[in-house]
Protein backbone atom coordinates (compact mmCIF):
# COMPACT_ATOMS: atom_id res chain seq x y z
CA MET A 1 1.95 34.27 26.14
CA PRO A 2 5.45 32.74 26.17
CA THR A 3 6.69 31.37 22.90
CA ARG A 4 7.44 28.13 24.45
CA LEU A 5 3.79 27.58 25.27
CA SER A 6 2.78 28.34 21.64
CA TRP A 7 4.71 25.34 20.39
CA LEU A 8 3.89 22.82 23.09
CA ALA A 9 0.16 23.58 22.96
CA PRO A 10 -0.54 22.72 19.34
CA LEU A 11 1.88 19.63 19.54
CA TRP A 12 -0.06 18.17 22.53
CA GLY A 13 -3.33 19.19 20.88
CA CYS A 14 -2.51 17.19 17.73
CA VAL A 15 -1.31 14.10 19.60
CA SER A 16 -4.43 14.21 21.92
CA GLY A 17 -6.85 14.69 18.94
CA VAL A 18 -5.41 11.67 16.99
CA ALA A 19 -5.14 9.55 20.03
CA TRP A 20 -8.73 10.19 21.02
CA GLN A 21 -10.03 9.58 17.46
CA VAL A 22 -8.16 6.29 16.86
CA THR A 23 -9.36 4.84 20.18
CA GLN A 24 -13.15 5.28 19.46
CA SER A 25 -15.23 2.21 19.09
CA GLY A 26 -16.97 3.53 16.08
CA LEU A 27 -17.23 6.35 13.53
CA TRP A 28 -19.29 9.51 14.18
CA SER A 29 -21.18 10.99 11.25
CA LEU A 30 -19.40 12.97 8.57
CA SER A 31 -21.29 16.15 9.83
CA ALA A 32 -19.88 15.82 13.37
CA TYR A 33 -16.30 15.63 12.11
CA GLN A 34 -17.08 18.75 9.92
CA CYS A 35 -18.35 20.54 13.02
CA LEU A 36 -15.13 19.64 14.81
CA MET A 37 -13.19 21.10 11.95
CA ALA A 38 -15.15 24.34 12.21
CA LEU A 39 -14.82 24.46 16.05
CA GLY A 40 -11.05 24.17 16.01
CA PRO A 41 -10.43 27.46 14.09
CA GLY A 42 -13.12 29.11 16.22
CA LEU A 43 -11.29 28.31 19.49
CA LEU A 44 -8.04 29.56 17.81
CA LEU A 45 -9.68 32.92 16.99
CA GLY A 46 -10.71 33.44 20.66
CA ILE A 47 -7.07 33.32 21.80
CA PRO A 48 -6.31 37.12 21.37
CA ARG A 49 -9.24 37.92 23.84
CA PHE A 50 -7.33 36.18 26.51
CA ARG A 51 -3.85 37.48 25.72
CA GLY A 52 -3.20 38.50 29.34
CA ARG A 53 -4.08 34.91 30.77
CA PRO A 54 -1.43 32.42 29.43
CA LEU A 55 -2.96 29.29 30.82
CA VAL A 56 -6.26 30.10 29.05
CA CYS A 57 -4.52 30.75 25.80
CA TRP A 58 -2.47 27.47 26.24
CA LEU A 59 -5.71 25.39 26.67
CA LEU A 60 -7.49 27.02 23.77
CA LEU A 61 -4.57 26.51 21.55
CA MET A 62 -4.39 22.91 22.56
CA LEU A 63 -8.12 22.36 22.22
CA GLY A 64 -8.26 24.02 18.90
CA ALA A 65 -5.52 21.82 17.56
CA ALA A 66 -7.09 18.72 19.03
CA CYS A 67 -10.39 19.56 17.41
CA CYS A 68 -8.95 20.12 13.95
CA THR A 69 -6.88 17.03 14.10
CA ALA A 70 -9.66 14.79 15.41
CA GLY A 71 -12.08 16.20 12.74
CA LEU A 72 -9.61 15.82 9.90
CA THR A 73 -8.93 12.24 10.87
CA GLY A 74 -12.38 11.26 11.06
CA TRP A 75 -13.19 13.07 7.73
CA ARG A 76 -10.38 11.31 6.01
CA VAL A 77 -11.70 8.00 7.23
CA HIS A 78 -15.19 8.77 5.71
CA VAL A 79 -13.60 9.80 2.39
CA TYR A 80 -11.66 6.47 2.37
CA LEU A 81 -14.66 4.41 3.14
CA ALA A 82 -16.60 5.99 0.40
CA GLN A 83 -14.13 4.60 -2.02
CA THR A 84 -14.30 0.97 -0.68
CA LEU A 85 -15.00 -1.75 -3.09
CA PRO A 86 -18.90 -2.47 -3.16
CA LYS A 87 -19.97 -5.92 -2.08
CA ALA A 88 -21.76 -6.30 -5.42
CA LEU A 89 -18.40 -6.15 -7.32
CA GLU A 90 -16.70 -8.85 -5.26
CA ALA A 91 -15.94 -12.19 -7.12
CA VAL A 92 -17.43 -10.96 -10.37
CA ASP A 93 -15.41 -10.34 -13.66
CA LEU A 94 -14.64 -6.63 -14.14
CA GLU A 95 -12.82 -5.02 -16.91
CA VAL A 96 -10.44 -2.20 -15.84
CA GLU A 97 -7.85 0.01 -17.46
CA GLY A 98 -4.94 1.47 -15.74
CA THR A 99 -1.22 1.61 -14.97
CA ILE A 100 1.16 -0.78 -13.18
CA ALA A 101 2.24 1.47 -10.28
CA SER A 102 4.83 -0.57 -8.50
CA MET A 103 7.57 -3.19 -8.86
CA LEU A 104 6.49 -6.66 -9.60
CA GLN A 105 6.76 -8.94 -6.56
CA ASN A 106 7.56 -12.63 -7.42
CA THR A 107 5.60 -15.30 -5.44
CA ALA A 108 5.73 -19.04 -5.51
CA ASN A 109 3.29 -19.32 -8.34
CA GLY A 110 3.19 -15.94 -9.94
CA GLN A 111 3.55 -12.15 -9.43
CA ARG A 112 1.63 -9.28 -7.83
CA TRP A 113 1.72 -5.61 -8.17
CA ARG A 114 -0.17 -2.40 -7.43
CA PHE A 115 -2.43 -1.06 -10.19
CA GLU A 116 -3.65 2.42 -10.53
CA VAL A 117 -7.21 2.36 -12.09
CA ASP A 118 -7.93 4.94 -14.76
CA GLN A 119 -11.33 3.60 -15.60
CA ALA A 120 -13.63 0.58 -15.40
CA ALA A 121 -16.08 -0.81 -17.92
CA THR A 122 -19.04 1.22 -18.87
CA GLY A 123 -21.59 1.29 -16.25
CA VAL A 124 -19.44 -0.03 -13.47
CA GLN A 125 -19.13 2.28 -10.52
CA GLY A 126 -17.26 1.92 -7.35
CA VAL A 127 -13.88 0.43 -8.44
CA PRO A 128 -11.19 1.80 -6.08
CA PRO A 129 -8.55 3.93 -7.58
CA LEU A 130 -5.66 1.72 -6.32
CA ILE A 131 -5.84 -2.05 -6.27
CA GLU A 132 -3.42 -4.96 -5.89
CA LEU A 133 -3.46 -7.55 -8.67
CA SER A 134 -1.85 -10.90 -9.21
CA TRP A 135 -1.38 -13.57 -11.86
CA TYR A 136 -0.94 -17.14 -11.10
CA GLY A 137 0.90 -19.88 -12.92
CA PRO A 138 -0.52 -23.54 -13.40
CA TYR A 139 -2.19 -24.88 -10.32
CA GLY A 140 0.25 -26.83 -8.07
CA GLN A 141 3.44 -25.75 -9.99
CA GLU A 142 6.07 -23.66 -8.28
CA LEU A 143 7.67 -21.25 -10.66
CA ASP A 144 11.43 -20.65 -10.81
CA ALA A 145 12.07 -17.15 -9.15
CA SER A 146 15.58 -17.01 -10.57
CA GLN A 147 14.24 -16.70 -14.20
CA PRO A 148 12.22 -13.80 -15.52
CA LEU A 149 8.62 -14.42 -14.85
CA GLN A 150 6.19 -13.81 -17.74
CA PRO A 151 2.46 -14.74 -17.85
CA ALA A 152 1.23 -16.62 -20.83
CA TRP A 153 -1.11 -13.85 -21.76
CA SER A 154 1.68 -11.32 -21.95
CA GLN A 155 3.02 -12.99 -25.25
CA GLY A 156 6.64 -12.76 -24.00
CA LEU A 157 6.51 -9.37 -22.59
CA THR A 158 7.86 -8.70 -19.03
CA LEU A 159 5.53 -6.61 -16.90
CA SER A 160 6.98 -3.45 -15.67
CA PRO A 161 5.93 -0.18 -13.93
CA GLY A 162 4.43 2.49 -16.25
CA GLN A 163 2.76 0.01 -18.57
CA ARG A 164 -1.02 0.64 -19.30
CA TRP A 165 -3.09 -2.46 -19.54
CA ARG A 166 -6.68 -3.58 -19.89
CA PHE A 167 -7.44 -6.34 -17.64
CA THR A 168 -10.40 -8.59 -16.73
CA VAL A 169 -10.05 -9.14 -12.99
CA ARG A 170 -11.92 -10.57 -9.99
CA LEU A 171 -11.51 -8.35 -6.84
CA LYS A 172 -12.38 -8.63 -3.07
CA ARG A 173 -11.77 -6.29 -0.15
CA PRO A 174 -8.50 -6.72 1.71
CA HIS A 175 -8.81 -8.86 4.86
CA GLY A 176 -6.23 -9.82 7.38
CA ALA A 177 -5.78 -12.75 9.70
CA ARG A 178 -7.37 -12.14 13.19
CA ASN A 179 -4.72 -13.96 15.03
CA PRO A 180 -3.66 -12.14 18.19
CA HIS A 181 -0.55 -10.04 17.85
CA GLY A 182 -0.19 -11.31 14.26
CA PHE A 183 0.62 -9.25 11.15
CA ASP A 184 -2.41 -7.04 10.16
CA TYR A 185 -2.39 -6.95 6.39
CA GLU A 186 -5.76 -5.23 6.26
CA LEU A 187 -4.26 -2.33 8.22
CA LEU A 188 -1.26 -2.25 5.95
CA ALA A 189 -3.48 -1.92 2.90
CA TRP A 190 -5.55 0.77 4.52
CA GLU A 191 -2.32 2.76 5.24
CA GLN A 192 -1.08 2.41 1.71
CA GLY A 193 -4.51 3.29 0.11
CA VAL A 194 -5.11 -0.20 -1.38
CA GLN A 195 -8.87 -0.84 -1.23
CA ALA A 196 -9.24 -4.09 -3.32
CA MET A 197 -7.13 -6.88 -4.22
CA GLY A 198 -7.53 -9.77 -6.76
CA TYR A 199 -6.25 -11.53 -9.74
CA VAL A 200 -6.09 -11.23 -13.55
CA ARG A 201 -8.33 -13.52 -15.61
CA GLU A 202 -6.74 -15.00 -18.67
CA LYS A 203 -9.89 -14.86 -20.71
CA PRO A 204 -10.61 -12.54 -22.30
CA ALA A 205 -6.88 -11.97 -22.76
CA PRO A 206 -5.41 -8.79 -21.19
CA GLN A 207 -4.41 -6.01 -23.64
CA LEU A 208 -1.44 -3.81 -23.45
CA LEU A 209 -2.56 -0.30 -24.30
CA GLU A 210 0.63 1.70 -23.91
CA MET A 211 4.21 1.25 -22.69
CA GLY A 212 3.99 4.55 -20.72
CA SER A 213 6.63 6.73 -19.15
CA ALA A 214 5.15 7.07 -15.72
CA TYR A 215 6.77 5.54 -12.46
CA ARG A 216 10.29 5.76 -13.73
CA LEU A 217 11.78 5.29 -10.35
CA GLN A 218 9.88 2.12 -9.92
CA ARG A 219 11.10 0.79 -13.29
CA TRP A 220 14.52 1.60 -12.42
CA ARG A 221 14.31 -0.16 -9.04
CA GLN A 222 12.85 -3.30 -10.87
CA TRP A 223 15.61 -3.21 -13.43
CA LEU A 224 18.36 -2.97 -10.72
CA ARG A 225 16.77 -5.77 -8.72
CA GLU A 226 16.67 -8.21 -11.68
CA ARG A 227 20.23 -7.24 -12.59
CA ILE A 228 21.34 -8.15 -9.10
CA ARG A 229 19.34 -11.42 -8.96
CA GLY A 230 20.65 -12.30 -12.42
CA GLN A 231 24.28 -12.46 -11.01
CA ILE A 232 23.63 -15.72 -9.33
CA GLN A 233 25.99 -17.46 -11.73
CA GLN A 234 28.74 -15.13 -10.57
CA LEU A 235 27.94 -16.14 -7.07
CA GLN A 236 28.19 -19.83 -7.90
CA ALA A 237 31.65 -19.16 -9.35
CA TRP A 238 32.73 -17.43 -6.04
CA PHE A 239 31.11 -19.88 -3.66
CA PRO A 240 30.74 -23.23 -5.54
CA ALA A 241 29.97 -25.13 -2.32
CA LEU A 242 26.97 -22.87 -1.48
CA GLU A 243 23.62 -24.51 -1.94
CA SER A 244 21.29 -23.12 -4.73
CA GLY A 245 18.52 -22.19 -2.25
CA ARG A 246 21.07 -20.17 -0.20
CA GLN A 247 22.52 -18.50 -3.31
CA GLN A 248 18.91 -17.20 -4.22
CA ALA A 249 18.44 -16.11 -0.65
CA ALA A 250 21.72 -14.24 -0.66
CA MET A 251 20.77 -12.43 -3.86
CA GLY A 252 17.48 -11.49 -2.41
CA VAL A 253 19.19 -9.89 0.55
CA VAL A 254 21.51 -7.95 -1.74
CA ALA A 255 18.48 -6.79 -3.90
CA ALA A 256 16.58 -5.75 -0.82
CA LEU A 257 19.48 -3.75 0.55
CA ALA A 258 20.11 -2.09 -2.83
CA VAL A 259 16.51 -1.05 -3.85
CA GLY A 260 14.58 -1.31 -0.59
CA ASP A 261 12.57 -4.29 -1.78
CA GLN A 262 12.01 -6.40 1.37
CA GLN A 263 9.89 -8.85 -0.39
CA ALA A 264 13.01 -9.84 -2.46
CA ILE A 265 14.37 -11.62 0.51
CA ASP A 266 13.89 -15.41 0.37
CA LEU A 267 13.84 -16.65 3.98
CA VAL A 268 15.28 -20.09 4.19
CA ILE A 269 15.15 -21.62 7.63
CA ASP A 270 17.85 -24.13 8.29
CA LYS A 271 16.59 -26.76 10.66
CA ARG A 272 20.16 -27.49 11.89
CA SER A 273 20.50 -23.89 13.04
CA LEU A 274 17.50 -24.36 15.36
CA ARG A 275 19.06 -27.23 17.31
């Protein structure tokens, strides 16, 4: 069989297997995907018997790769769904321990971050290993994003990646808007392994367990972002006529380009530019 065919066949097989799987209207049983995973290598083992028939070898190689890819994709979905937040744990207080696993993202009235759960309270089963948490400031009060944001319960400590905390949280499953052609947040959460989102309860007060040394890259990125955003006074000296809102937006763009933090960009729409 030509070498060229041996490369094209598994490539087309992988593409076909994934395309077929993601267009299915529903999931098969886990055993069906396990059978596909077993059928794929079986087809590949039959190739030497047809060494003198290149077309048959090409088809067997493509079908074997397609079966392996489709079976692996469906199997992964089943494993992921097995870790989904149970309905019984939605909108109830849960105590979890874990590590802040991402940079802190500033919002209009608080912050949000990824949290890697080490363990939940005794007797609680089904909390996903990676969740997205938030804390919120006083209701109706917009926080100043140009200043370091610190929740009241942190006792003056700035949250940063690598810290281990014990939180009491309320969680729910990720849900995205169903607007046609709109941004699908639920799909994004699925792709990034986030299987629950919620917020931190102020009572009982969260407890810092350890400063930690994990996620050093994320800590460095957050430190650099805050240093850049802290240079807004220098920007005022350079461009005194620039409005305050535009200064913050400019620093957000610089931070985004420097550390890859797209959410640092503060989009300010000037109505005059739309005329």
